[in-house]
PDB file of N, CA and C in Angstrom:
ATOM      1  N   UNK A   1      87.000 115.457 122.918  1.00  0.00           N
ATOM      2  CA  UNK A   1      87.823 116.540 123.398  1.00  0.00           C
ATOM      3  C   UNK A   1      89.079 115.922 124.014  1.00  0.00           C
ATOM      4  N   UNK A   2      90.215 116.409 123.647  1.00  0.00           N
ATOM      5  CA  UNK A   2      91.467 115.893 124.173  1.00  0.00           C
ATOM      6  C   UNK A   2      91.865 116.574 125.478  1.00  0.00           C
ATOM      7  N   UNK A   3      92.920 116.052 126.086  1.00  0.00           N
ATOM      8  CA  UNK A   3      93.385 116.575 127.367  1.00  0.00           C
ATOM      9  C   UNK A   3      93.737 118.057 127.271  1.00  0.00           C
ATOM     10  N   UNK A   4      94.427 118.449 126.226  1.00  0.00           N
ATOM     11  CA  UNK A   4      94.816 119.863 126.095  1.00  0.00           C
ATOM     12  C   UNK A   4      93.597 120.780 126.019  1.00  0.00           C
ATOM     13  N   UNK A   5      92.563 120.357 125.308  1.00  0.00           N
ATOM     14  CA  UNK A   5      91.346 121.173 125.224  1.00  0.00           C
ATOM     15  C   UNK A   5      90.648 121.253 126.583  1.00  0.00           C
ATOM     16  N   UNK A   6      90.658 120.158 127.319  1.00  0.00           N
ATOM     17  CA  UNK A   6      90.053 120.160 128.651  1.00  0.00           C
ATOM     18  C   UNK A   6      90.785 121.157 129.542  1.00  0.00           C
ATOM     19  N   UNK A   7      92.110 121.102 129.529  1.00  0.00           N
ATOM     20  CA  UNK A   7      92.909 122.013 130.354  1.00  0.00           C
ATOM     21  C   UNK A   7      92.629 123.464 129.974  1.00  0.00           C
ATOM     22  N   UNK A   8      92.603 123.750 128.677  1.00  0.00           N
ATOM     23  CA  UNK A   8      92.360 125.122 128.222  1.00  0.00           C
ATOM     24  C   UNK A   8      90.954 125.606 128.581  1.00  0.00           C
ATOM     25  N   UNK A   9      90.019 124.689 128.748  1.00  0.00           N
ATOM     26  CA  UNK A   9      88.652 125.088 129.085  1.00  0.00           C
ATOM     27  C   UNK A   9      88.483 125.407 130.571  1.00  0.00           C
ATOM     28  N   UNK A  10      89.477 125.084 131.375  1.00  0.00           N
ATOM     29  CA  UNK A  10      89.418 125.371 132.807  1.00  0.00           C
ATOM     30  C   UNK A  10      89.785 126.838 133.012  1.00  0.00           C
ATOM     31  N   UNK A  11      88.881 127.607 133.597  1.00  0.00           N
ATOM     32  CA  UNK A  11      89.198 129.026 133.786  1.00  0.00           C
ATOM     33  C   UNK A  11      90.328 129.200 134.797  1.00  0.00           C
ATOM     34  N   UNK A  12      91.165 130.202 134.560  1.00  0.00           N
ATOM     35  CA  UNK A  12      92.201 130.515 135.543  1.00  0.00           C
ATOM     36  C   UNK A  12      91.508 131.010 136.801  1.00  0.00           C
ATOM     37  N   UNK A  13      92.094 130.663 137.933  1.00  0.00           N
ATOM     38  CA  UNK A  13      91.474 131.018 139.212  1.00  0.00           C
ATOM     39  C   UNK A  13      92.538 131.413 140.220  1.00  0.00           C
ATOM     40  N   UNK A  14      92.124 132.214 141.191  1.00  0.00           N
ATOM     41  CA  UNK A  14      93.061 132.605 142.241  1.00  0.00           C
ATOM     42  C   UNK A  14      93.452 131.368 143.052  1.00  0.00           C
ATOM     43  N   UNK A  15      92.482 130.578 143.449  1.00  0.00           N
ATOM     44  CA  UNK A  15      92.709 129.375 144.248  1.00  0.00           C
ATOM     45  C   UNK A  15      92.047 128.173 143.580  1.00  0.00           C
ATOM     46  N   UNK A  16      92.742 127.046 143.619  1.00  0.00           N
ATOM     47  CA  UNK A  16      92.220 125.816 143.019  1.00  0.00           C
ATOM     48  C   UNK A  16      92.306 124.697 144.039  1.00  0.00           C
ATOM     49  N   UNK A  17      91.210 123.960 144.175  1.00  0.00           N
ATOM     50  CA  UNK A  17      91.177 122.758 145.006  1.00  0.00           C
ATOM     51  C   UNK A  17      90.927 121.593 144.057  1.00  0.00           C
ATOM     52  N   UNK A  18      91.742 120.558 144.149  1.00  0.00           N
ATOM     53  CA  UNK A  18      91.665 119.433 143.219  1.00  0.00           C
ATOM     54  C   UNK A  18      91.216 118.168 143.948  1.00  0.00           C
ATOM     55  N   UNK A  19      90.273 117.463 143.351  1.00  0.00           N
ATOM     56  CA  UNK A  19      89.863 116.151 143.830  1.00  0.00           C
ATOM     57  C   UNK A  19      90.181 115.133 142.752  1.00  0.00           C
ATOM     58  N   UNK A  20      90.920 114.097 143.130  1.00  0.00           N
ATOM     59  CA  UNK A  20      91.162 112.978 142.216  1.00  0.00           C
ATOM     60  C   UNK A  20      90.133 111.916 142.557  1.00  0.00           C
ATOM     61  N   UNK A  21      89.202 111.687 141.645  1.00  0.00           N
ATOM     62  CA  UNK A  21      88.176 110.666 141.825  1.00  0.00           C
ATOM     63  C   UNK A  21      88.694 109.379 141.191  1.00  0.00           C
ATOM     64  N   UNK A  22      89.008 108.399 142.005  1.00  0.00           N
ATOM     65  CA  UNK A  22      89.611 107.153 141.540  1.00  0.00           C
ATOM     66  C   UNK A  22      88.741 106.447 140.503  1.00  0.00           C
ATOM     67  N   UNK A  23      87.441 106.653 140.555  1.00  0.00           N
ATOM     68  CA  UNK A  23      86.524 106.002 139.610  1.00  0.00           C
ATOM     69  C   UNK A  23      86.796 106.357 138.157  1.00  0.00           C
ATOM     70  N   UNK A  24      87.417 107.496 137.890  1.00  0.00           N
ATOM     71  CA  UNK A  24      87.652 107.926 136.511  1.00  0.00           C
ATOM     72  C   UNK A  24      88.767 107.119 135.844  1.00  0.00           C
ATOM     73  N   UNK A  25      89.613 106.482 136.641  1.00  0.00           N
ATOM     74  CA  UNK A  25      90.754 105.736 136.098  1.00  0.00           C
ATOM     75  C   UNK A  25      90.333 104.380 135.534  1.00  0.00           C
ATOM     76  N   UNK A  26      91.052 103.933 134.530  1.00  0.00           N
ATOM     77  CA  UNK A  26      90.801 102.611 133.963  1.00  0.00           C
ATOM     78  C   UNK A  26      91.078 101.546 135.027  1.00  0.00           C
ATOM     79  N   UNK A  27      90.241 100.510 135.120  1.00  0.00           N
ATOM     80  CA  UNK A  27      90.434  99.467 136.129  1.00  0.00           C
ATOM     81  C   UNK A  27      91.778  98.740 136.051  1.00  0.00           C
ATOM     82  N   UNK A  28      92.439  98.789 134.908  1.00  0.00           N
ATOM     83  CA  UNK A  28      93.747  98.135 134.805  1.00  0.00           C
ATOM     84  C   UNK A  28      94.795  98.824 135.674  1.00  0.00           C
ATOM     85  N   UNK A  29      94.575 100.096 135.996  1.00  0.00           N
ATOM     86  CA  UNK A  29      95.525 100.828 136.841  1.00  0.00           C
ATOM     87  C   UNK A  29      94.903 101.244 138.178  1.00  0.00           C
ATOM     88  N   UNK A  30      93.600 101.014 138.334  1.00  0.00           N
ATOM     89  CA  UNK A  30      92.919 101.372 139.580  1.00  0.00           C
ATOM     90  C   UNK A  30      91.748 100.414 139.828  1.00  0.00           C
ATOM     91  N   UNK A  31      92.054  99.151 140.140  1.00  0.00           N
ATOM     92  CA  UNK A  31      90.973  98.194 140.358  1.00  0.00           C
ATOM     93  C   UNK A  31      90.254  98.360 141.698  1.00  0.00           C
ATOM     94  N   UNK A  32      90.829  99.101 142.625  1.00  0.00           N
ATOM     95  CA  UNK A  32      90.245  99.225 143.963  1.00  0.00           C
ATOM     96  C   UNK A  32      89.522 100.554 144.133  1.00  0.00           C
ATOM     97  N   UNK A  33      88.411 100.692 143.410  1.00  0.00           N
ATOM     98  CA  UNK A  33      87.601 101.899 143.554  1.00  0.00           C
ATOM     99  C   UNK A  33      86.143 101.498 143.661  1.00  0.00           C
ATOM    100  N   UNK A  34      85.320 102.425 144.057  1.00  0.00           N
ATOM    101  CA  UNK A  34      83.925 102.097 144.327  1.00  0.00           C
ATOM    102  C   UNK A  34      83.073 101.953 143.070  1.00  0.00           C
ATOM    103  N   UNK A  35      83.534 102.449 141.943  1.00  0.00           N
ATOM    104  CA  UNK A  35      82.760 102.334 140.703  1.00  0.00           C
ATOM    105  C   UNK A  35      83.672 102.126 139.514  1.00  0.00           C
ATOM    106  N   UNK A  36      83.969 100.885 139.205  1.00  0.00           N
ATOM    107  CA  UNK A  36      84.880 100.597 138.090  1.00  0.00           C
ATOM    108  C   UNK A  36      84.343 101.177 136.793  1.00  0.00           C
ATOM    109  N   UNK A  37      85.228 101.754 136.003  1.00  0.00           N
ATOM    110  CA  UNK A  37      84.857 102.391 134.736  1.00  0.00           C
ATOM    111  C   UNK A  37      85.687 101.799 133.608  1.00  0.00           C
ATOM    112  N   UNK A  38      85.209 100.681 133.010  1.00  0.00           N
ATOM    113  CA  UNK A  38      85.960 100.121 131.880  1.00  0.00           C
ATOM    114  C   UNK A  38      86.167 101.186 130.802  1.00  0.00           C
ATOM    115  N   UNK A  39      87.388 101.255 130.312  1.00  0.00           N
ATOM    116  CA  UNK A  39      87.696 102.284 129.329  1.00  0.00           C
ATOM    117  C   UNK A  39      87.931 103.634 129.967  1.00  0.00           C
ATOM    118  N   UNK A  40      88.203 103.643 131.255  1.00  0.00           N
ATOM    119  CA  UNK A  40      88.451 104.898 131.969  1.00  0.00           C
ATOM    120  C   UNK A  40      89.739 105.552 131.502  1.00  0.00           C
ATOM    121  N   UNK A  41      90.061 106.656 132.110  1.00  0.00           N
ATOM    122  CA  UNK A  41      91.223 107.426 131.701  1.00  0.00           C
ATOM    123  C   UNK A  41      92.530 106.705 132.033  1.00  0.00           C
ATOM    124  N   UNK A  42      93.525 106.954 131.210  1.00  0.00           N
ATOM    125  CA  UNK A  42      94.845 106.363 131.433  1.00  0.00           C
ATOM    126  C   UNK A  42      95.618 107.189 132.456  1.00  0.00           C
ATOM    127  N   UNK A  43      96.672 106.594 132.969  1.00  0.00           N
ATOM    128  CA  UNK A  43      97.559 107.302 133.890  1.00  0.00           C
ATOM    129  C   UNK A  43      98.098 108.567 133.225  1.00  0.00           C
ATOM    130  N   UNK A  44      98.560 108.452 131.997  1.00  0.00           N
ATOM    131  CA  UNK A  44      99.164 109.602 131.316  1.00  0.00           C
ATOM    132  C   UNK A  44      98.165 110.726 131.084  1.00  0.00           C
ATOM    133  N   UNK A  45      96.916 110.379 130.749  1.00  0.00           N
ATOM    134  CA  UNK A  45      95.898 111.420 130.559  1.00  0.00           C
ATOM    135  C   UNK A  45      95.624 112.176 131.859  1.00  0.00           C
ATOM    136  N   UNK A  46      95.494 111.442 132.956  1.00  0.00           N
ATOM    137  CA  UNK A  46      95.222 112.092 134.247  1.00  0.00           C
ATOM    138  C   UNK A  46      96.441 112.901 134.692  1.00  0.00           C
ATOM    139  N   UNK A  47      97.625 112.354 134.496  1.00  0.00           N
ATOM    140  CA  UNK A  47      98.862 113.064 134.854  1.00  0.00           C
ATOM    141  C   UNK A  47      98.947 114.390 134.095  1.00  0.00           C
ATOM    142  N   UNK A  48      98.730 114.341 132.793  1.00  0.00           N
ATOM    143  CA  UNK A  48      98.796 115.546 131.968  1.00  0.00           C
ATOM    144  C   UNK A  48      97.742 116.566 132.408  1.00  0.00           C
ATOM    145  N   UNK A  49      96.567 116.090 132.737  1.00  0.00           N
ATOM    146  CA  UNK A  49      95.498 116.980 133.198  1.00  0.00           C
ATOM    147  C   UNK A  49      95.878 117.648 134.518  1.00  0.00           C
ATOM    148  N   UNK A  50      96.390 116.861 135.457  1.00  0.00           N
ATOM    149  CA  UNK A  50      96.778 117.428 136.753  1.00  0.00           C
ATOM    150  C   UNK A  50      97.890 118.468 136.602  1.00  0.00           C
ATOM    151  N   UNK A  51      98.866 118.172 135.763  1.00  0.00           N
ATOM    152  CA  UNK A  51      99.954 119.131 135.534  1.00  0.00           C
ATOM    153  C   UNK A  51      99.400 120.414 134.918  1.00  0.00           C
ATOM    154  N   UNK A  52      98.471 120.275 133.989  1.00  0.00           N
ATOM    155  CA  UNK A  52      97.847 121.454 133.380  1.00  0.00           C
ATOM    156  C   UNK A  52      97.024 122.250 134.371  1.00  0.00           C
ATOM    157  N   UNK A  53      96.303 121.574 135.243  1.00  0.00           N
ATOM    158  CA  UNK A  53      95.489 122.254 136.261  1.00  0.00           C
ATOM    159  C   UNK A  53      96.393 123.040 137.211  1.00  0.00           C
ATOM    160  N   UNK A  54      97.550 122.485 137.527  1.00  0.00           N
ATOM    161  CA  UNK A  54      98.478 123.159 138.443  1.00  0.00           C
ATOM    162  C   UNK A  54      98.927 124.513 137.900  1.00  0.00           C
ATOM    163  N   UNK A  55      98.832 124.705 136.611  1.00  0.00           N
ATOM    164  CA  UNK A  55      99.249 125.961 135.979  1.00  0.00           C
ATOM    165  C   UNK A  55      98.102 126.963 135.843  1.00  0.00           C
ATOM    166  N   UNK A  56      96.899 126.589 136.265  1.00  0.00           N
ATOM    167  CA  UNK A  56      95.731 127.454 136.087  1.00  0.00           C
ATOM    168  C   UNK A  56      95.478 128.376 137.271  1.00  0.00           C
ATOM    169  N   UNK A  57      96.249 128.215 138.358  1.00  0.00           N
ATOM    170  CA  UNK A  57      96.075 129.056 139.537  1.00  0.00           C
ATOM    171  C   UNK A  57      96.839 128.479 140.709  1.00  0.00           C
ATOM    172  N   UNK A  58      96.642 129.063 141.866  1.00  0.00           N
ATOM    173  CA  UNK A  58      97.334 128.610 143.079  1.00  0.00           C
ATOM    174  C   UNK A  58      96.578 127.428 143.679  1.00  0.00           C
ATOM    175  N   UNK A  59      97.238 126.300 143.755  1.00  0.00           N
ATOM    176  CA  UNK A  59      96.614 125.099 144.313  1.00  0.00           C
ATOM    177  C   UNK A  59      96.617 125.226 145.831  1.00  0.00           C
ATOM    178  N   UNK A  60      95.430 125.112 146.423  1.00  0.00           N
ATOM    179  CA  UNK A  60      95.297 125.256 147.869  1.00  0.00           C
ATOM    180  C   UNK A  60      94.955 123.944 148.566  1.00  0.00           C
ATOM    181  N   UNK A  61      94.656 122.911 147.786  1.00  0.00           N
ATOM    182  CA  UNK A  61      94.333 121.634 148.411  1.00  0.00           C
ATOM    183  C   UNK A  61      94.156 120.532 147.392  1.00  0.00           C
ATOM    184  N   UNK A  62      94.219 119.312 147.900  1.00  0.00           N
ATOM    185  CA  UNK A  62      94.085 118.115 147.068  1.00  0.00           C
ATOM    186  C   UNK A  62      93.508 117.008 147.917  1.00  0.00           C
ATOM    187  N   UNK A  63      92.587 116.250 147.351  1.00  0.00           N
ATOM    188  CA  UNK A  63      92.139 115.040 148.021  1.00  0.00           C
ATOM    189  C   UNK A  63      91.887 113.942 146.998  1.00  0.00           C
ATOM    190  N   UNK A  64      91.723 112.737 147.496  1.00  0.00           N
ATOM    191  CA  UNK A  64      91.461 111.558 146.671  1.00  0.00           C
ATOM    192  C   UNK A  64      90.198 110.909 147.211  1.00  0.00           C
ATOM    193  N   UNK A  65      89.267 110.571 146.319  1.00  0.00           N
ATOM    194  CA  UNK A  65      88.021 109.937 146.746  1.00  0.00           C
ATOM    195  C   UNK A  65      87.794 108.638 145.984  1.00  0.00           C
ATOM    196  N   UNK A  66      86.940 107.803 146.555  1.00  0.00           N
ATOM    197  CA  UNK A  66      86.478 106.536 145.962  1.00  0.00           C
ATOM    198  C   UNK A  66      87.566 105.464 145.875  1.00  0.00           C
ATOM    199  N   UNK A  67      88.608 105.576 146.676  1.00  0.00           N
ATOM    200  CA  UNK A  67      89.647 104.553 146.749  1.00  0.00           C
ATOM    201  C   UNK A  67      89.298 103.613 147.896  1.00  0.00           C
ATOM    202  N   UNK A  68      89.321 102.306 147.607  1.00  0.00           N
ATOM    203  CA  UNK A  68      88.990 101.297 148.608  1.00  0.00           C
ATOM    204  C   UNK A  68      90.235 100.483 148.946  1.00  0.00           C
ATOM    205  N   UNK A  69      91.023 100.908 149.924  1.00  0.00           N
ATOM    206  CA  UNK A  69      92.270 100.216 150.250  1.00  0.00           C
ATOM    207  C   UNK A  69      92.084  98.733 150.568  1.00  0.00           C
ATOM    208  N   UNK A  70      90.978  98.376 151.186  1.00  0.00           N
ATOM    209  CA  UNK A  70      90.740  96.969 151.536  1.00  0.00           C
ATOM    210  C   UNK A  70      90.585  96.087 150.296  1.00  0.00           C
ATOM    211  N   UNK A  71      90.290  96.684 149.151  1.00  0.00           N
ATOM    212  CA  UNK A  71      90.121  95.956 147.893  1.00  0.00           C
ATOM    213  C   UNK A  71      91.376  96.060 147.013  1.00  0.00           C
ATOM    214  N   UNK A  72      92.496  96.433 147.611  1.00  0.00           N
ATOM    215  CA  UNK A  72      93.720  96.689 146.853  1.00  0.00           C
ATOM    216  C   UNK A  72      94.907  95.872 147.389  1.00  0.00           C
ATOM    217  N   UNK A  73      94.757  94.530 147.480  1.00  0.00           N
ATOM    218  CA  UNK A  73      95.849  93.733 148.051  1.00  0.00           C
ATOM    219  C   UNK A  73      97.155  93.828 147.250  1.00  0.00           C
ATOM    220  N   UNK A  74      97.050  94.040 145.955  1.00  0.00           N
ATOM    221  CA  UNK A  74      98.259  94.162 145.116  1.00  0.00           C
ATOM    222  C   UNK A  74      98.852  95.567 145.171  1.00  0.00           C
ATOM    223  N   UNK A  75      98.117  96.502 145.724  1.00  0.00           N
ATOM    224  CA  UNK A  75      98.496  97.910 145.845  1.00  0.00           C
ATOM    225  C   UNK A  75      98.672  98.611 144.497  1.00  0.00           C
ATOM    226  N   UNK A  76      98.054  98.083 143.459  1.00  0.00           N
ATOM    227  CA  UNK A  76      98.121  98.718 142.139  1.00  0.00           C
ATOM    228  C   UNK A  76      97.470 100.097 142.181  1.00  0.00           C
ATOM    229  N   UNK A  77      96.299 100.172 142.763  1.00  0.00           N
ATOM    230  CA  UNK A  77      95.589 101.447 142.827  1.00  0.00           C
ATOM    231  C   UNK A  77      96.348 102.442 143.697  1.00  0.00           C
ATOM    232  N   UNK A  78      96.811 101.990 144.848  1.00  0.00           N
ATOM    233  CA  UNK A  78      97.552 102.879 145.744  1.00  0.00           C
ATOM    234  C   UNK A  78      98.789 103.437 145.050  1.00  0.00           C
ATOM    235  N   UNK A  79      99.519 102.602 144.338  1.00  0.00           N
ATOM    236  CA  UNK A  79     100.721 103.063 143.641  1.00  0.00           C
ATOM    237  C   UNK A  79     100.380 104.053 142.537  1.00  0.00           C
ATOM    238  N   UNK A  80      99.327 103.775 141.797  1.00  0.00           N
ATOM    239  CA  UNK A  80      98.899 104.701 140.750  1.00  0.00           C
ATOM    240  C   UNK A  80      98.582 106.064 141.354  1.00  0.00           C
ATOM    241  N   UNK A  81      97.840 106.069 142.451  1.00  0.00           N
ATOM    242  CA  UNK A  81      97.470 107.334 143.090  1.00  0.00           C
ATOM    243  C   UNK A  81      98.685 108.059 143.658  1.00  0.00           C
ATOM    244  N   UNK A  82      99.614 107.317 144.248  1.00  0.00           N
ATOM    245  CA  UNK A  82     100.828 107.948 144.783  1.00  0.00           C
ATOM    246  C   UNK A  82     101.608 108.620 143.660  1.00  0.00           C
ATOM    247  N   UNK A  83     101.774 107.923 142.539  1.00  0.00           N
ATOM    248  CA  UNK A  83     102.502 108.520 141.414  1.00  0.00           C
ATOM    249  C   UNK A  83     101.792 109.761 140.885  1.00  0.00           C
ATOM    250  N   UNK A  84     100.461 109.707 140.795  1.00  0.00           N
ATOM    251  CA  UNK A  84      99.723 110.883 140.323  1.00  0.00           C
ATOM    252  C   UNK A  84      99.879 112.057 141.285  1.00  0.00           C
ATOM    253  N   UNK A  85      99.812 111.780 142.580  1.00  0.00           N
ATOM    254  CA  UNK A  85      99.967 112.841 143.577  1.00  0.00           C
ATOM    255  C   UNK A  85     101.372 113.437 143.505  1.00  0.00           C
ATOM    256  N   UNK A  86     102.385 112.584 143.394  1.00  0.00           N
ATOM    257  CA  UNK A  86     103.762 113.087 143.298  1.00  0.00           C
ATOM    258  C   UNK A  86     103.974 113.924 142.040  1.00  0.00           C
ATOM    259  N   UNK A  87     103.435 113.465 140.913  1.00  0.00           N
ATOM    260  CA  UNK A  87     103.550 114.241 139.673  1.00  0.00           C
ATOM    261  C   UNK A  87     102.856 115.597 139.816  1.00  0.00           C
ATOM    262  N   UNK A  88     101.701 115.587 140.454  1.00  0.00           N
ATOM    263  CA  UNK A  88     100.958 116.825 140.656  1.00  0.00           C
ATOM    264  C   UNK A  88     101.727 117.777 141.563  1.00  0.00           C
ATOM    265  N   UNK A  89     102.253 117.259 142.679  1.00  0.00           N
ATOM    266  CA  UNK A  89     103.016 118.105 143.598  1.00  0.00           C
ATOM    267  C   UNK A  89     104.271 118.667 142.934  1.00  0.00           C
ATOM    268  N   UNK A  90     104.895 117.886 142.063  1.00  0.00           N
ATOM    269  CA  UNK A  90     106.064 118.382 141.333  1.00  0.00           C
ATOM    270  C   UNK A  90     105.676 119.544 140.419  1.00  0.00           C
ATOM    271  N   UNK A  91     104.466 119.506 139.881  1.00  0.00           N
ATOM    272  CA  UNK A  91     104.005 120.617 139.031  1.00  0.00           C
ATOM    273  C   UNK A  91     103.621 121.836 139.878  1.00  0.00           C
ATOM    274  N   UNK A  92     103.082 121.592 141.060  1.00  0.00           N
ATOM    275  CA  UNK A  92     102.687 122.689 141.949  1.00  0.00           C
ATOM    276  C   UNK A  92     103.925 123.378 142.536  1.00  0.00           C
ATOM    277  N   UNK A  93     104.928 122.569 142.871  1.00  0.00           N
ATOM    278  CA  UNK A  93     106.154 123.087 143.491  1.00  0.00           C
ATOM    279  C   UNK A  93     107.359 122.723 142.615  1.00  0.00           C
ATOM    280  N   UNK A  94     107.506 123.399 141.484  1.00  0.00           N
ATOM    281  CA  UNK A  94     108.613 123.048 140.575  1.00  0.00           C
ATOM    282  C   UNK A  94     109.977 123.331 141.201  1.00  0.00           C
ATOM    283  N   UNK A  95     110.964 122.591 140.747  1.00  0.00           N
ATOM    284  CA  UNK A  95     112.337 122.759 141.213  1.00  0.00           C
ATOM    285  C   UNK A  95     112.814 124.170 140.896  1.00  0.00           C
ATOM    286  N   UNK A  96     113.576 124.744 141.781  1.00  0.00           N
ATOM    287  CA  UNK A  96     114.077 126.102 141.590  1.00  0.00           C
ATOM    288  C   UNK A  96     115.491 126.102 141.036  1.00  0.00           C
ATOM    289  N   UNK A  97     115.944 124.975 140.542  1.00  0.00           N
ATOM    290  CA  UNK A  97     117.315 124.855 139.981  1.00  0.00           C
ATOM    291  C   UNK A  97     117.424 125.603 138.686  1.00  0.00           C
TER     292      UNK A  97
END
């Protein structure tokens, strides 16, 4: 099942709460998580999914789980998560220009 099919399978809802589980990401972009998943999702797949979820209803909250900052001296995982959060927030609060 591709990203678009996953997004379409999410029912529209009045309120949506999103959790980004760091374990789902490929270790090449998120090595500092509690359960490494070789062959995990790419940044672009997660980004596309988050943007699609933002269109399924009113987002009321967001959190990130399974990130281990002490295991992230290069800050690769932190940067990946920051970019995903920023992309998601841009989809939740689009520019009014």
